[in-house]
Amino acid sequence: MSTTTLNPVLTIIRLFDAAPEQVWDAWLVEDKWGAWIGPEGGYCDIEEFEPRVGGRYRLLMHVPGRGGIPVEGVFKVIDRPHHFAFTWGWALSGNPDTLVRVDLKAVGDKTELTLIHEGLPSDDDRAGHGKGWNSTLNKLALYLKGART
């Protein structure tokens, strides 16, 4: 028997071997974001990117076996290098946009990243987004490792 949580929230905490400024730039500098965003085995074409409060982004996520999936949103909070938030909308899903909040905290010479994805419509969506975000954060870890060398 499955249950459904009202407005499930996904929380992921990861430790990266990079300073908060490096992690921040990986998310909010267009060519850096484009180098890693998207789940493992896939990639994204960035079609619009305005990392400022009220600025929009739009990307086309290419996932094997699923073709191009449009994703778009608006930046809600920009507080370098500590916190940013943006809406996340699957353009063709018909579901309302959700909110992604990312907090960065220095832990010695590393960064603790907390990603909170709010407003997901179901437990299944939370599980799917958890798989996708964890896969994407694996790519971020590899990107940051390469940026240090």
N, C-alpha and C. Protein backbone atom coordinates (compact mmCIF):
# COMPACT_ATOMS: atom_id res chain seq x y z
N MET A 1 0.84 -1.18 0.00
CA MET A 1 0.00 0.00 0.00
C MET A 1 0.89 1.24 0.00
N SER A 2 0.63 2.15 -0.93
CA SER A 2 1.44 3.36 -0.98
C SER A 2 0.69 4.51 -0.31
N THR A 3 1.47 5.42 0.21
CA THR A 3 0.89 6.61 0.83
C THR A 3 1.40 7.83 0.09
N THR A 4 0.66 8.90 0.20
CA THR A 4 1.08 10.15 -0.42
C THR A 4 1.19 11.21 0.65
N THR A 5 2.33 11.87 0.68
CA THR A 5 2.57 12.98 1.58
C THR A 5 2.11 14.24 0.90
N LEU A 6 1.41 15.11 1.62
CA LEU A 6 1.00 16.37 1.04
C LEU A 6 2.21 17.25 0.83
N ASN A 7 2.45 17.66 -0.44
CA ASN A 7 3.59 18.51 -0.78
C ASN A 7 4.91 17.99 -0.22
N PRO A 8 5.33 16.82 -0.67
CA PRO A 8 6.60 16.26 -0.18
C PRO A 8 7.78 17.19 -0.44
N VAL A 9 8.75 17.13 0.44
CA VAL A 9 9.97 17.94 0.34
C VAL A 9 11.16 16.99 0.24
N LEU A 10 12.06 17.29 -0.68
CA LEU A 10 13.29 16.53 -0.84
C LEU A 10 14.43 17.33 -0.22
N THR A 11 15.21 16.71 0.63
CA THR A 11 16.39 17.35 1.21
C THR A 11 17.60 16.46 0.96
N ILE A 12 18.65 17.06 0.39
CA ILE A 12 19.90 16.35 0.13
C ILE A 12 21.02 17.19 0.72
N ILE A 13 21.90 16.55 1.47
CA ILE A 13 23.07 17.23 2.04
C ILE A 13 24.30 16.51 1.52
N ARG A 14 25.20 17.27 0.91
CA ARG A 14 26.43 16.70 0.35
C ARG A 14 27.61 17.57 0.74
N LEU A 15 28.77 16.95 0.90
CA LEU A 15 30.01 17.66 1.20
C LEU A 15 30.90 17.63 -0.05
N PHE A 16 31.33 18.83 -0.49
CA PHE A 16 32.17 18.95 -1.68
C PHE A 16 33.56 19.43 -1.30
N ASP A 17 34.53 18.91 -2.00
CA ASP A 17 35.92 19.25 -1.76
C ASP A 17 36.29 20.51 -2.54
N ALA A 18 35.66 21.63 -2.15
CA ALA A 18 35.87 22.92 -2.81
C ALA A 18 35.34 24.01 -1.87
N ALA A 19 35.84 25.21 -2.06
CA ALA A 19 35.38 26.35 -1.27
C ALA A 19 33.97 26.76 -1.71
N PRO A 20 33.20 27.39 -0.81
CA PRO A 20 31.84 27.82 -1.18
C PRO A 20 31.80 28.68 -2.44
N GLU A 21 32.78 29.55 -2.64
CA GLU A 21 32.80 30.40 -3.84
C GLU A 21 32.92 29.56 -5.11
N GLN A 22 33.69 28.48 -5.05
CA GLN A 22 33.83 27.60 -6.22
C GLN A 22 32.52 26.87 -6.51
N VAL A 23 31.87 26.40 -5.46
CA VAL A 23 30.60 25.70 -5.64
C VAL A 23 29.55 26.69 -6.17
N TRP A 24 29.54 27.89 -5.59
CA TRP A 24 28.61 28.94 -6.04
C TRP A 24 28.80 29.21 -7.54
N ASP A 25 30.04 29.44 -7.95
CA ASP A 25 30.32 29.73 -9.35
C ASP A 25 29.92 28.58 -10.26
N ALA A 26 30.07 27.35 -9.80
CA ALA A 26 29.69 26.19 -10.60
C ALA A 26 28.19 26.21 -10.91
N TRP A 27 27.40 26.75 -10.00
CA TRP A 27 25.95 26.84 -10.20
C TRP A 27 25.55 28.10 -10.96
N LEU A 28 26.23 29.22 -10.73
CA LEU A 28 25.70 30.50 -11.18
C LEU A 28 26.54 31.23 -12.22
N VAL A 29 27.53 30.56 -12.81
CA VAL A 29 28.26 31.07 -13.97
C VAL A 29 27.87 30.15 -15.13
N GLU A 30 27.31 30.72 -16.17
CA GLU A 30 26.65 29.94 -17.22
C GLU A 30 27.51 28.82 -17.80
N ASP A 31 28.74 29.11 -18.23
CA ASP A 31 29.55 28.06 -18.86
C ASP A 31 29.93 26.98 -17.86
N LYS A 32 30.09 27.34 -16.59
CA LYS A 32 30.40 26.33 -15.57
C LYS A 32 29.17 25.46 -15.29
N TRP A 33 28.00 26.08 -15.15
CA TRP A 33 26.76 25.32 -14.91
C TRP A 33 26.50 24.37 -16.07
N GLY A 34 26.68 24.88 -17.27
CA GLY A 34 26.44 24.06 -18.45
C GLY A 34 27.38 22.86 -18.56
N ALA A 35 28.54 22.93 -17.90
CA ALA A 35 29.51 21.84 -17.98
C ALA A 35 29.09 20.61 -17.18
N TRP A 36 28.16 20.76 -16.21
CA TRP A 36 27.83 19.61 -15.36
C TRP A 36 26.34 19.40 -15.10
N ILE A 37 25.50 20.40 -15.30
CA ILE A 37 24.10 20.26 -14.90
C ILE A 37 23.41 19.15 -15.70
N GLY A 38 22.61 18.39 -15.03
CA GLY A 38 21.88 17.28 -15.63
C GLY A 38 22.35 15.96 -15.06
N PRO A 39 21.50 14.95 -15.11
CA PRO A 39 21.87 13.66 -14.53
C PRO A 39 22.98 12.95 -15.30
N GLU A 40 23.62 12.02 -14.62
CA GLU A 40 24.69 11.23 -15.24
C GLU A 40 24.15 10.56 -16.51
N GLY A 41 24.97 10.59 -17.56
CA GLY A 41 24.56 10.02 -18.83
C GLY A 41 23.80 11.01 -19.71
N GLY A 42 23.48 12.18 -19.16
CA GLY A 42 22.75 13.19 -19.91
C GLY A 42 23.51 14.51 -19.90
N TYR A 43 22.92 15.49 -20.55
CA TYR A 43 23.50 16.83 -20.57
C TYR A 43 22.38 17.82 -20.81
N CYS A 44 22.68 19.10 -20.65
CA CYS A 44 21.68 20.14 -20.86
C CYS A 44 22.22 21.21 -21.80
N ASP A 45 21.36 21.68 -22.68
CA ASP A 45 21.63 22.88 -23.48
C ASP A 45 21.00 24.04 -22.71
N ILE A 46 21.79 25.05 -22.40
CA ILE A 46 21.26 26.21 -21.70
C ILE A 46 20.79 27.21 -22.75
N GLU A 47 19.50 27.51 -22.74
CA GLU A 47 18.91 28.39 -23.73
C GLU A 47 18.74 29.82 -23.22
N GLU A 48 18.66 29.97 -21.90
CA GLU A 48 18.54 31.29 -21.28
C GLU A 48 19.12 31.18 -19.88
N PHE A 49 19.84 32.22 -19.43
CA PHE A 49 20.47 32.16 -18.11
C PHE A 49 20.73 33.57 -17.60
N GLU A 50 19.94 34.01 -16.63
CA GLU A 50 20.04 35.34 -16.03
C GLU A 50 20.09 35.20 -14.51
N PRO A 51 21.26 34.87 -13.94
CA PRO A 51 21.34 34.60 -12.50
C PRO A 51 21.31 35.87 -11.64
N ARG A 52 20.10 36.42 -11.54
CA ARG A 52 19.83 37.58 -10.69
C ARG A 52 18.40 37.42 -10.19
N VAL A 53 18.05 38.06 -9.10
CA VAL A 53 16.69 37.96 -8.59
C VAL A 53 15.72 38.42 -9.68
N GLY A 54 14.78 37.57 -10.00
CA GLY A 54 13.82 37.84 -11.07
C GLY A 54 14.28 37.39 -12.44
N GLY A 55 15.56 37.00 -12.55
CA GLY A 55 16.09 36.53 -13.83
C GLY A 55 15.60 35.12 -14.13
N ARG A 56 15.54 34.81 -15.39
CA ARG A 56 15.03 33.50 -15.83
C ARG A 56 16.16 32.59 -16.30
N TYR A 57 15.87 31.31 -16.28
CA TYR A 57 16.73 30.33 -16.93
C TYR A 57 15.84 29.38 -17.71
N ARG A 58 16.38 28.81 -18.74
CA ARG A 58 15.68 27.79 -19.51
C ARG A 58 16.73 26.84 -20.05
N LEU A 59 16.49 25.56 -19.88
CA LEU A 59 17.42 24.58 -20.42
C LEU A 59 16.65 23.44 -21.05
N LEU A 60 17.32 22.74 -21.91
CA LEU A 60 16.77 21.55 -22.54
C LEU A 60 17.61 20.39 -22.05
N MET A 61 16.98 19.55 -21.21
CA MET A 61 17.68 18.42 -20.60
C MET A 61 17.58 17.21 -21.52
N HIS A 62 18.74 16.69 -21.91
CA HIS A 62 18.80 15.51 -22.77
C HIS A 62 19.13 14.30 -21.89
N VAL A 63 18.16 13.39 -21.80
CA VAL A 63 18.31 12.19 -20.98
C VAL A 63 18.16 10.99 -21.91
N PRO A 64 19.10 10.04 -21.85
CA PRO A 64 19.00 8.88 -22.74
C PRO A 64 17.62 8.22 -22.68
N GLY A 65 17.07 7.98 -23.85
CA GLY A 65 15.78 7.31 -23.95
C GLY A 65 14.58 8.22 -23.76
N ARG A 66 14.82 9.49 -23.44
CA ARG A 66 13.70 10.40 -23.20
C ARG A 66 13.75 11.65 -24.07
N GLY A 67 14.78 11.83 -24.86
CA GLY A 67 14.87 13.00 -25.72
C GLY A 67 15.13 14.26 -24.93
N GLY A 68 14.74 15.40 -25.50
CA GLY A 68 14.95 16.69 -24.85
C GLY A 68 13.75 17.08 -23.99
N ILE A 69 14.02 17.43 -22.75
CA ILE A 69 12.96 17.80 -21.80
C ILE A 69 13.19 19.25 -21.39
N PRO A 70 12.26 20.16 -21.72
CA PRO A 70 12.45 21.56 -21.35
C PRO A 70 12.20 21.80 -19.85
N VAL A 71 13.11 22.55 -19.25
CA VAL A 71 13.01 22.95 -17.84
C VAL A 71 13.22 24.46 -17.80
N GLU A 72 12.41 25.15 -16.97
CA GLU A 72 12.57 26.59 -16.88
C GLU A 72 12.19 27.07 -15.49
N GLY A 73 12.66 28.28 -15.17
CA GLY A 73 12.34 28.84 -13.88
C GLY A 73 12.85 30.25 -13.73
N VAL A 74 12.68 30.75 -12.51
CA VAL A 74 13.04 32.11 -12.16
C VAL A 74 13.89 32.08 -10.90
N PHE A 75 14.97 32.86 -10.88
CA PHE A 75 15.79 32.99 -9.68
C PHE A 75 15.04 33.85 -8.66
N LYS A 76 14.89 33.35 -7.45
CA LYS A 76 14.15 34.04 -6.40
C LYS A 76 15.06 34.70 -5.38
N VAL A 77 16.19 34.06 -5.08
CA VAL A 77 17.14 34.56 -4.07
C VAL A 77 18.55 34.38 -4.62
N ILE A 78 19.38 35.40 -4.46
CA ILE A 78 20.79 35.32 -4.82
C ILE A 78 21.55 35.99 -3.68
N ASP A 79 22.32 35.20 -2.92
CA ASP A 79 23.08 35.72 -1.77
C ASP A 79 24.45 35.05 -1.79
N ARG A 80 25.35 35.58 -2.63
CA ARG A 80 26.68 34.98 -2.82
C ARG A 80 27.49 35.05 -1.55
N PRO A 81 28.20 34.03 -1.19
CA PRO A 81 28.23 32.66 -1.70
C PRO A 81 27.46 31.69 -0.80
N HIS A 82 26.41 32.18 -0.17
CA HIS A 82 25.75 31.39 0.88
C HIS A 82 24.46 30.69 0.46
N HIS A 83 23.67 31.34 -0.36
CA HIS A 83 22.32 30.82 -0.60
C HIS A 83 21.78 31.33 -1.94
N PHE A 84 21.06 30.46 -2.62
CA PHE A 84 20.29 30.87 -3.79
C PHE A 84 19.08 29.97 -3.91
N ALA A 85 18.07 30.47 -4.59
CA ALA A 85 16.83 29.71 -4.77
C ALA A 85 16.26 30.04 -6.14
N PHE A 86 15.61 29.04 -6.73
CA PHE A 86 15.01 29.22 -8.05
C PHE A 86 13.82 28.29 -8.19
N THR A 87 12.87 28.69 -9.01
CA THR A 87 11.76 27.80 -9.30
C THR A 87 12.23 26.76 -10.31
N TRP A 88 11.56 25.62 -10.30
CA TRP A 88 11.89 24.50 -11.19
C TRP A 88 10.59 24.07 -11.85
N GLY A 89 10.53 24.20 -13.15
CA GLY A 89 9.31 23.83 -13.85
C GLY A 89 9.59 22.95 -15.06
N TRP A 90 8.94 21.79 -15.07
CA TRP A 90 8.99 20.94 -16.25
C TRP A 90 7.96 21.53 -17.21
N ALA A 91 8.42 22.19 -18.24
CA ALA A 91 7.56 23.00 -19.09
C ALA A 91 6.37 22.24 -19.67
N LEU A 92 6.49 20.95 -19.90
CA LEU A 92 5.42 20.19 -20.54
C LEU A 92 4.60 19.34 -19.58
N SER A 93 4.88 19.42 -18.27
CA SER A 93 4.23 18.51 -17.32
C SER A 93 2.82 18.93 -16.94
N GLY A 94 2.54 20.23 -16.98
CA GLY A 94 1.24 20.70 -16.51
C GLY A 94 1.20 20.89 -15.01
N ASN A 95 2.26 20.48 -14.29
CA ASN A 95 2.32 20.66 -12.84
C ASN A 95 2.80 22.08 -12.52
N PRO A 96 2.41 22.61 -11.36
CA PRO A 96 2.93 23.93 -10.98
C PRO A 96 4.43 23.86 -10.71
N ASP A 97 5.09 25.00 -10.84
CA ASP A 97 6.52 25.07 -10.56
C ASP A 97 6.78 24.73 -9.10
N THR A 98 7.95 24.17 -8.85
CA THR A 98 8.40 23.86 -7.50
C THR A 98 9.54 24.82 -7.16
N LEU A 99 10.04 24.74 -5.94
CA LEU A 99 11.11 25.65 -5.51
C LEU A 99 12.32 24.84 -5.07
N VAL A 100 13.48 25.23 -5.57
CA VAL A 100 14.75 24.62 -5.18
C VAL A 100 15.54 25.67 -4.41
N ARG A 101 15.94 25.31 -3.19
CA ARG A 101 16.78 26.19 -2.37
C ARG A 101 18.11 25.50 -2.15
N VAL A 102 19.20 26.24 -2.30
CA VAL A 102 20.53 25.68 -2.11
C VAL A 102 21.28 26.55 -1.11
N ASP A 103 21.75 25.92 -0.03
CA ASP A 103 22.55 26.60 0.99
C ASP A 103 23.96 26.04 0.94
N LEU A 104 24.95 26.93 1.02
CA LEU A 104 26.36 26.55 1.01
C LEU A 104 27.00 27.01 2.31
N LYS A 105 27.69 26.08 2.98
CA LYS A 105 28.33 26.40 4.26
C LYS A 105 29.75 25.87 4.25
N ALA A 106 30.70 26.75 4.58
CA ALA A 106 32.09 26.32 4.67
C ALA A 106 32.27 25.36 5.83
N VAL A 107 32.95 24.27 5.57
CA VAL A 107 33.32 23.30 6.60
C VAL A 107 34.81 23.04 6.39
N GLY A 108 35.65 23.81 7.11
CA GLY A 108 37.08 23.77 6.84
C GLY A 108 37.32 24.29 5.44
N ASP A 109 38.03 23.50 4.60
CA ASP A 109 38.27 23.92 3.22
C ASP A 109 37.29 23.26 2.25
N LYS A 110 36.21 22.72 2.79
CA LYS A 110 35.18 22.07 1.98
C LYS A 110 33.88 22.86 2.06
N THR A 111 32.88 22.42 1.34
CA THR A 111 31.57 23.08 1.36
C THR A 111 30.48 22.04 1.58
N GLU A 112 29.65 22.31 2.58
CA GLU A 112 28.45 21.51 2.78
C GLU A 112 27.33 22.17 1.99
N LEU A 113 26.77 21.43 1.08
CA LEU A 113 25.66 21.90 0.25
C LEU A 113 24.38 21.23 0.75
N THR A 114 23.38 22.04 1.01
CA THR A 114 22.05 21.51 1.35
C THR A 114 21.11 21.95 0.25
N LEU A 115 20.53 20.99 -0.44
CA LEU A 115 19.56 21.24 -1.49
C LEU A 115 18.19 20.82 -0.97
N ILE A 116 17.24 21.75 -1.00
CA ILE A 116 15.87 21.47 -0.57
C ILE A 116 14.96 21.76 -1.75
N HIS A 117 14.23 20.75 -2.19
CA HIS A 117 13.31 20.89 -3.31
C HIS A 117 11.90 20.75 -2.74
N GLU A 118 11.16 21.88 -2.76
CA GLU A 118 9.84 21.96 -2.12
C GLU A 118 8.71 21.97 -3.15
N GLY A 119 7.54 21.55 -2.70
CA GLY A 119 6.34 21.66 -3.51
C GLY A 119 6.16 20.54 -4.51
N LEU A 120 6.87 19.45 -4.33
CA LEU A 120 6.73 18.33 -5.26
C LEU A 120 5.34 17.72 -5.11
N PRO A 121 4.72 17.33 -6.22
CA PRO A 121 3.32 16.91 -6.16
C PRO A 121 3.05 15.55 -5.52
N SER A 122 4.07 14.69 -5.41
CA SER A 122 3.80 13.35 -4.86
C SER A 122 5.09 12.74 -4.31
N ASP A 123 4.92 11.66 -3.57
CA ASP A 123 6.09 10.92 -3.07
C ASP A 123 6.90 10.35 -4.24
N ASP A 124 6.21 9.90 -5.29
CA ASP A 124 6.91 9.38 -6.46
C ASP A 124 7.76 10.47 -7.12
N ASP A 125 7.22 11.70 -7.18
CA ASP A 125 8.00 12.82 -7.72
C ASP A 125 9.21 13.10 -6.85
N ARG A 126 9.02 13.04 -5.54
CA ARG A 126 10.16 13.27 -4.63
C ARG A 126 11.23 12.21 -4.87
N ALA A 127 10.84 10.95 -5.01
CA ALA A 127 11.81 9.88 -5.25
C ALA A 127 12.52 10.08 -6.58
N GLY A 128 11.78 10.43 -7.62
CA GLY A 128 12.38 10.65 -8.93
C GLY A 128 13.34 11.84 -8.93
N HIS A 129 12.92 12.93 -8.29
CA HIS A 129 13.80 14.09 -8.21
C HIS A 129 15.01 13.80 -7.33
N GLY A 130 14.84 12.99 -6.30
CA GLY A 130 15.98 12.60 -5.46
C GLY A 130 17.02 11.85 -6.27
N LYS A 131 16.57 10.93 -7.09
CA LYS A 131 17.49 10.19 -7.96
C LYS A 131 18.19 11.14 -8.93
N GLY A 132 17.40 12.04 -9.55
CA GLY A 132 17.97 12.97 -10.51
C GLY A 132 18.95 13.95 -9.88
N TRP A 133 18.57 14.56 -8.74
CA TRP A 133 19.47 15.52 -8.09
C TRP A 133 20.73 14.85 -7.58
N ASN A 134 20.62 13.65 -7.00
CA ASN A 134 21.83 12.96 -6.53
C ASN A 134 22.76 12.63 -7.68
N SER A 135 22.21 12.21 -8.80
CA SER A 135 23.02 11.92 -9.98
C SER A 135 23.69 13.21 -10.48
N THR A 136 22.94 14.28 -10.51
CA THR A 136 23.47 15.57 -10.95
C THR A 136 24.57 16.06 -10.00
N LEU A 137 24.38 15.89 -8.70
CA LEU A 137 25.39 16.31 -7.74
C LEU A 137 26.65 15.45 -7.83
N ASN A 138 26.51 14.20 -8.27
CA ASN A 138 27.70 13.38 -8.55
C ASN A 138 28.52 14.04 -9.66
N LYS A 139 27.83 14.55 -10.69
CA LYS A 139 28.53 15.24 -11.78
C LYS A 139 29.18 16.54 -11.28
N LEU A 140 28.50 17.24 -10.37
CA LEU A 140 29.09 18.45 -9.81
C LEU A 140 30.38 18.12 -9.06
N ALA A 141 30.39 17.04 -8.29
CA ALA A 141 31.60 16.65 -7.55
C ALA A 141 32.76 16.40 -8.51
N LEU A 142 32.48 15.71 -9.61
CA LEU A 142 33.53 15.46 -10.61
C LEU A 142 33.98 16.75 -11.27
N TYR A 143 33.04 17.64 -11.56
CA TYR A 143 33.39 18.93 -12.16
C TYR A 143 34.30 19.72 -11.22
N LEU A 144 33.94 19.79 -9.96
CA LEU A 144 34.74 20.55 -8.98
C LEU A 144 36.11 19.94 -8.82
N LYS A 145 36.19 18.62 -8.85
CA LYS A 145 37.49 17.96 -8.74
C LYS A 145 38.37 18.35 -9.92
N GLY A 146 37.81 18.39 -11.13
CA GLY A 146 38.56 18.79 -12.31
C GLY A 146 38.93 20.26 -12.29
N ALA A 147 38.09 21.10 -11.68
CA ALA A 147 38.36 22.54 -11.62
C ALA A 147 39.54 22.84 -10.70
N ARG A 148 39.84 21.95 -9.76
CA ARG A 148 40.94 22.17 -8.81
C ARG A 148 42.28 21.81 -9.42
N THR A 149 42.30 20.96 -10.43
CA THR A 149 43.58 20.49 -10.96
C THR A 149 44.13 21.40 -12.02
